[in-house]
Amino acid sequence: MCRNIKPLFNFDPPATEDEIQAAALQFVRKISGFTKPSKANEEAFNQAIMEVTLVAGKLLESLVTNAEPRNREIVIQRARAGYAKRFGTESN
């Protein structure tokens, strides 16, 4: 599950709220062990996602770096090249 969490800091354009929430969802799924919680745990699960999203957003806003922002398109191209090399196929 956590393999889907991608670095979100120092990108141009910055990470969106949706990207931060998707990472929070993956994190909560991983630590809870639930892909989809039962009705009894749904409220706690959703509350955790909301809180992790807020904290992650605050973290990203407070971090500083002197490095140049990474270009999303270049990162995607490099990942696709790595997938093709690793698995011998083209990835879209």
N, C-alpha and C. Protein backbone atom coordinates (compact mmCIF):
# COMPACT_ATOMS: atom_id res chain seq x y z
N MET A 1 0.81 -1.20 0.00
CA MET A 1 0.00 0.00 0.00
C MET A 1 0.85 1.26 0.00
N CYS A 2 1.84 1.36 0.88
CA CYS A 2 2.61 2.60 1.00
C CYS A 2 3.51 2.86 -0.19
N ARG A 3 3.70 1.87 -1.06
CA ARG A 3 4.48 2.13 -2.25
C ARG A 3 3.84 3.19 -3.11
N ASN A 4 2.55 3.41 -2.93
CA ASN A 4 1.84 4.41 -3.72
C ASN A 4 2.00 5.82 -3.19
N ILE A 5 2.58 5.98 -2.02
CA ILE A 5 2.80 7.31 -1.48
C ILE A 5 4.06 7.87 -2.12
N LYS A 6 3.91 8.97 -2.82
CA LYS A 6 5.01 9.60 -3.53
C LYS A 6 5.46 10.84 -2.78
N PRO A 7 6.74 11.20 -2.91
CA PRO A 7 7.18 12.46 -2.31
C PRO A 7 6.36 13.62 -2.88
N LEU A 8 6.00 14.55 -2.01
CA LEU A 8 5.16 15.67 -2.43
C LEU A 8 5.86 17.01 -2.25
N PHE A 9 7.02 17.02 -1.63
CA PHE A 9 7.71 18.27 -1.33
C PHE A 9 8.61 18.71 -2.48
N ASN A 10 8.69 20.00 -2.68
CA ASN A 10 9.59 20.65 -3.62
C ASN A 10 9.29 20.32 -5.08
N PHE A 11 8.04 20.41 -5.43
CA PHE A 11 7.63 20.24 -6.82
C PHE A 11 7.09 21.55 -7.37
N ASP A 12 7.23 21.72 -8.66
CA ASP A 12 6.65 22.87 -9.34
C ASP A 12 5.71 22.32 -10.40
N PRO A 13 4.42 22.52 -10.29
CA PRO A 13 3.69 23.22 -9.24
C PRO A 13 3.62 22.39 -7.95
N PRO A 14 3.36 23.06 -6.83
CA PRO A 14 3.30 22.37 -5.54
C PRO A 14 2.21 21.29 -5.50
N ALA A 15 2.34 20.39 -4.56
CA ALA A 15 1.36 19.32 -4.38
C ALA A 15 -0.03 19.92 -4.16
N THR A 16 -1.02 19.25 -4.73
CA THR A 16 -2.40 19.70 -4.57
C THR A 16 -3.01 19.09 -3.32
N GLU A 17 -4.13 19.63 -2.90
CA GLU A 17 -4.86 19.08 -1.75
C GLU A 17 -5.25 17.63 -2.03
N ASP A 18 -5.63 17.32 -3.27
CA ASP A 18 -6.01 15.94 -3.63
C ASP A 18 -4.83 14.98 -3.49
N GLU A 19 -3.64 15.42 -3.89
CA GLU A 19 -2.46 14.57 -3.77
C GLU A 19 -2.11 14.32 -2.30
N ILE A 20 -2.24 15.36 -1.50
CA ILE A 20 -1.96 15.22 -0.06
C ILE A 20 -2.98 14.28 0.58
N GLN A 21 -4.25 14.42 0.20
CA GLN A 21 -5.29 13.56 0.75
C GLN A 21 -5.10 12.11 0.30
N ALA A 22 -4.68 11.89 -0.94
CA ALA A 22 -4.43 10.53 -1.43
C ALA A 22 -3.30 9.88 -0.64
N ALA A 23 -2.26 10.64 -0.34
CA ALA A 23 -1.15 10.11 0.47
C ALA A 23 -1.64 9.80 1.89
N ALA A 24 -2.48 10.68 2.44
CA ALA A 24 -3.03 10.45 3.78
C ALA A 24 -3.89 9.18 3.80
N LEU A 25 -4.69 8.99 2.77
CA LEU A 25 -5.52 7.78 2.66
C LEU A 25 -4.65 6.53 2.66
N GLN A 26 -3.58 6.53 1.86
CA GLN A 26 -2.69 5.37 1.81
C GLN A 26 -2.03 5.12 3.16
N PHE A 27 -1.64 6.19 3.84
CA PHE A 27 -1.01 6.07 5.15
C PHE A 27 -1.98 5.46 6.17
N VAL A 28 -3.20 5.97 6.20
CA VAL A 28 -4.20 5.47 7.15
C VAL A 28 -4.55 4.02 6.82
N ARG A 29 -4.66 3.69 5.54
CA ARG A 29 -4.92 2.29 5.15
C ARG A 29 -3.80 1.38 5.66
N LYS A 30 -2.56 1.83 5.51
CA LYS A 30 -1.43 1.02 5.91
C LYS A 30 -1.42 0.78 7.42
N ILE A 31 -1.55 1.85 8.19
CA ILE A 31 -1.42 1.66 9.64
C ILE A 31 -2.65 1.01 10.26
N SER A 32 -3.82 1.15 9.61
CA SER A 32 -5.03 0.52 10.16
C SER A 32 -5.17 -0.93 9.70
N GLY A 33 -4.58 -1.23 8.55
CA GLY A 33 -4.74 -2.57 7.99
C GLY A 33 -6.03 -2.73 7.20
N PHE A 34 -6.79 -1.65 7.04
CA PHE A 34 -8.06 -1.69 6.32
C PHE A 34 -7.92 -1.01 4.97
N THR A 35 -8.39 -1.66 3.93
CA THR A 35 -8.53 -0.97 2.65
C THR A 35 -9.81 -0.16 2.68
N LYS A 36 -10.84 -0.78 3.24
CA LYS A 36 -12.12 -0.11 3.44
C LYS A 36 -12.61 -0.55 4.82
N PRO A 37 -12.81 0.40 5.72
CA PRO A 37 -13.19 0.02 7.09
C PRO A 37 -14.64 -0.45 7.18
N SER A 38 -14.94 -1.16 8.24
CA SER A 38 -16.32 -1.56 8.52
C SER A 38 -17.11 -0.32 8.90
N LYS A 39 -18.42 -0.43 8.93
CA LYS A 39 -19.27 0.69 9.34
C LYS A 39 -18.91 1.17 10.74
N ALA A 40 -18.55 0.24 11.61
CA ALA A 40 -18.20 0.59 12.99
C ALA A 40 -16.93 1.44 13.06
N ASN A 41 -16.01 1.26 12.10
CA ASN A 41 -14.74 1.98 12.10
C ASN A 41 -14.68 3.11 11.09
N GLU A 42 -15.73 3.28 10.30
CA GLU A 42 -15.70 4.24 9.20
C GLU A 42 -15.47 5.68 9.68
N GLU A 43 -16.13 6.09 10.73
CA GLU A 43 -15.99 7.47 11.23
C GLU A 43 -14.56 7.74 11.70
N ALA A 44 -13.99 6.81 12.45
CA ALA A 44 -12.62 6.97 12.94
C ALA A 44 -11.63 6.98 11.77
N PHE A 45 -11.85 6.13 10.79
CA PHE A 45 -11.00 6.03 9.60
C PHE A 45 -11.02 7.35 8.83
N ASN A 46 -12.21 7.88 8.57
CA ASN A 46 -12.34 9.13 7.83
C ASN A 46 -11.78 10.32 8.62
N GLN A 47 -11.96 10.31 9.94
CA GLN A 47 -11.40 11.37 10.78
C GLN A 47 -9.88 11.34 10.72
N ALA A 48 -9.31 10.15 10.75
CA ALA A 48 -7.85 10.01 10.67
C ALA A 48 -7.33 10.53 9.34
N ILE A 49 -8.02 10.23 8.25
CA ILE A 49 -7.60 10.72 6.93
C ILE A 49 -7.61 12.25 6.93
N MET A 50 -8.66 12.85 7.48
CA MET A 50 -8.76 14.31 7.50
C MET A 50 -7.61 14.92 8.32
N GLU A 51 -7.35 14.35 9.49
CA GLU A 51 -6.30 14.88 10.36
C GLU A 51 -4.91 14.71 9.75
N VAL A 52 -4.65 13.56 9.16
CA VAL A 52 -3.35 13.33 8.52
C VAL A 52 -3.18 14.28 7.34
N THR A 53 -4.24 14.52 6.58
CA THR A 53 -4.19 15.46 5.46
C THR A 53 -3.80 16.86 5.95
N LEU A 54 -4.43 17.31 7.04
CA LEU A 54 -4.13 18.64 7.59
C LEU A 54 -2.68 18.73 8.06
N VAL A 55 -2.22 17.72 8.78
CA VAL A 55 -0.85 17.73 9.31
C VAL A 55 0.16 17.66 8.16
N ALA A 56 -0.10 16.83 7.17
CA ALA A 56 0.81 16.72 6.03
C ALA A 56 0.87 18.04 5.26
N GLY A 57 -0.26 18.70 5.09
CA GLY A 57 -0.28 20.00 4.43
C GLY A 57 0.54 21.03 5.19
N LYS A 58 0.40 21.04 6.51
CA LYS A 58 1.18 21.97 7.35
C LYS A 58 2.68 21.67 7.23
N LEU A 59 3.01 20.38 7.22
CA LEU A 59 4.41 19.99 7.07
C LEU A 59 4.97 20.50 5.75
N LEU A 60 4.27 20.24 4.66
CA LEU A 60 4.75 20.67 3.35
C LEU A 60 4.91 22.19 3.26
N GLU A 61 4.01 22.92 3.91
CA GLU A 61 4.10 24.38 3.91
C GLU A 61 5.28 24.89 4.73
N SER A 62 5.67 24.15 5.75
CA SER A 62 6.73 24.63 6.65
C SER A 62 8.13 24.20 6.23
N LEU A 63 8.25 23.22 5.35
CA LEU A 63 9.57 22.76 4.93
C LEU A 63 10.23 23.79 4.03
N VAL A 64 11.55 23.90 4.13
CA VAL A 64 12.32 24.81 3.29
C VAL A 64 13.47 24.05 2.64
N THR A 65 13.89 24.52 1.49
CA THR A 65 15.03 23.93 0.79
C THR A 65 15.67 24.97 -0.10
N ASN A 66 16.94 24.77 -0.39
CA ASN A 66 17.64 25.62 -1.35
C ASN A 66 17.69 24.97 -2.72
N ALA A 67 17.22 23.73 -2.81
CA ALA A 67 17.24 23.00 -4.07
C ALA A 67 16.19 23.57 -5.02
N GLU A 68 16.46 23.43 -6.29
CA GLU A 68 15.50 23.84 -7.31
C GLU A 68 14.28 22.91 -7.24
N PRO A 69 13.08 23.44 -7.47
CA PRO A 69 11.88 22.58 -7.48
C PRO A 69 11.99 21.53 -8.58
N ARG A 70 11.50 20.34 -8.29
CA ARG A 70 11.50 19.26 -9.27
C ARG A 70 10.34 19.45 -10.23
N ASN A 71 10.59 19.09 -11.47
CA ASN A 71 9.57 19.18 -12.51
C ASN A 71 8.80 17.86 -12.55
N ARG A 72 7.48 17.95 -12.41
CA ARG A 72 6.65 16.74 -12.36
C ARG A 72 6.77 15.89 -13.63
N GLU A 73 6.81 16.54 -14.77
CA GLU A 73 6.88 15.79 -16.03
C GLU A 73 8.18 15.00 -16.14
N ILE A 74 9.28 15.59 -15.72
CA ILE A 74 10.56 14.89 -15.77
C ILE A 74 10.56 13.71 -14.80
N VAL A 75 10.00 13.89 -13.62
CA VAL A 75 9.91 12.80 -12.64
C VAL A 75 9.06 11.65 -13.19
N ILE A 76 7.94 11.99 -13.84
CA ILE A 76 7.07 10.96 -14.44
C ILE A 76 7.81 10.22 -15.56
N GLN A 77 8.52 10.95 -16.40
CA GLN A 77 9.26 10.32 -17.50
C GLN A 77 10.32 9.37 -16.97
N ARG A 78 11.03 9.79 -15.93
CA ARG A 78 12.06 8.93 -15.33
C ARG A 78 11.44 7.68 -14.72
N ALA A 79 10.30 7.83 -14.06
CA ALA A 79 9.62 6.67 -13.47
C ALA A 79 9.19 5.70 -14.56
N ARG A 80 8.63 6.21 -15.65
CA ARG A 80 8.22 5.35 -16.75
C ARG A 80 9.40 4.62 -17.36
N ALA A 81 10.53 5.30 -17.51
CA ALA A 81 11.73 4.66 -18.04
C ALA A 81 12.20 3.57 -17.10
N GLY A 82 12.14 3.83 -15.80
CA GLY A 82 12.53 2.82 -14.81
C GLY A 82 11.62 1.60 -14.85
N TYR A 83 10.30 1.84 -15.00
CA TYR A 83 9.35 0.73 -15.10
C TYR A 83 9.63 -0.10 -16.35
N ALA A 84 9.88 0.58 -17.46
CA ALA A 84 10.14 -0.13 -18.71
C ALA A 84 11.40 -0.98 -18.59
N LYS A 85 12.44 -0.42 -17.97
CA LYS A 85 13.68 -1.16 -17.79
C LYS A 85 13.48 -2.34 -16.85
N ARG A 86 12.76 -2.10 -15.76
CA ARG A 86 12.55 -3.14 -14.75
C ARG A 86 11.65 -4.26 -15.26
N PHE A 87 10.57 -3.91 -15.94
CA PHE A 87 9.57 -4.90 -16.35
C PHE A 87 9.60 -5.22 -17.83
N GLY A 88 10.42 -4.52 -18.60
CA GLY A 88 10.54 -4.79 -20.02
C GLY A 88 9.30 -4.40 -20.83
N THR A 89 8.54 -3.47 -20.33
CA THR A 89 7.34 -3.01 -21.04
C THR A 89 7.26 -1.51 -20.98
N GLU A 90 6.46 -0.95 -21.85
CA GLU A 90 6.17 0.48 -21.81
C GLU A 90 5.01 0.71 -20.86
N SER A 91 5.10 1.75 -20.05
CA SER A 91 4.03 2.10 -19.12
C SER A 91 3.44 3.43 -19.54
N ASN A 92 2.11 3.54 -19.55
CA ASN A 92 1.46 4.80 -19.93
C ASN A 92 1.07 5.58 -18.76
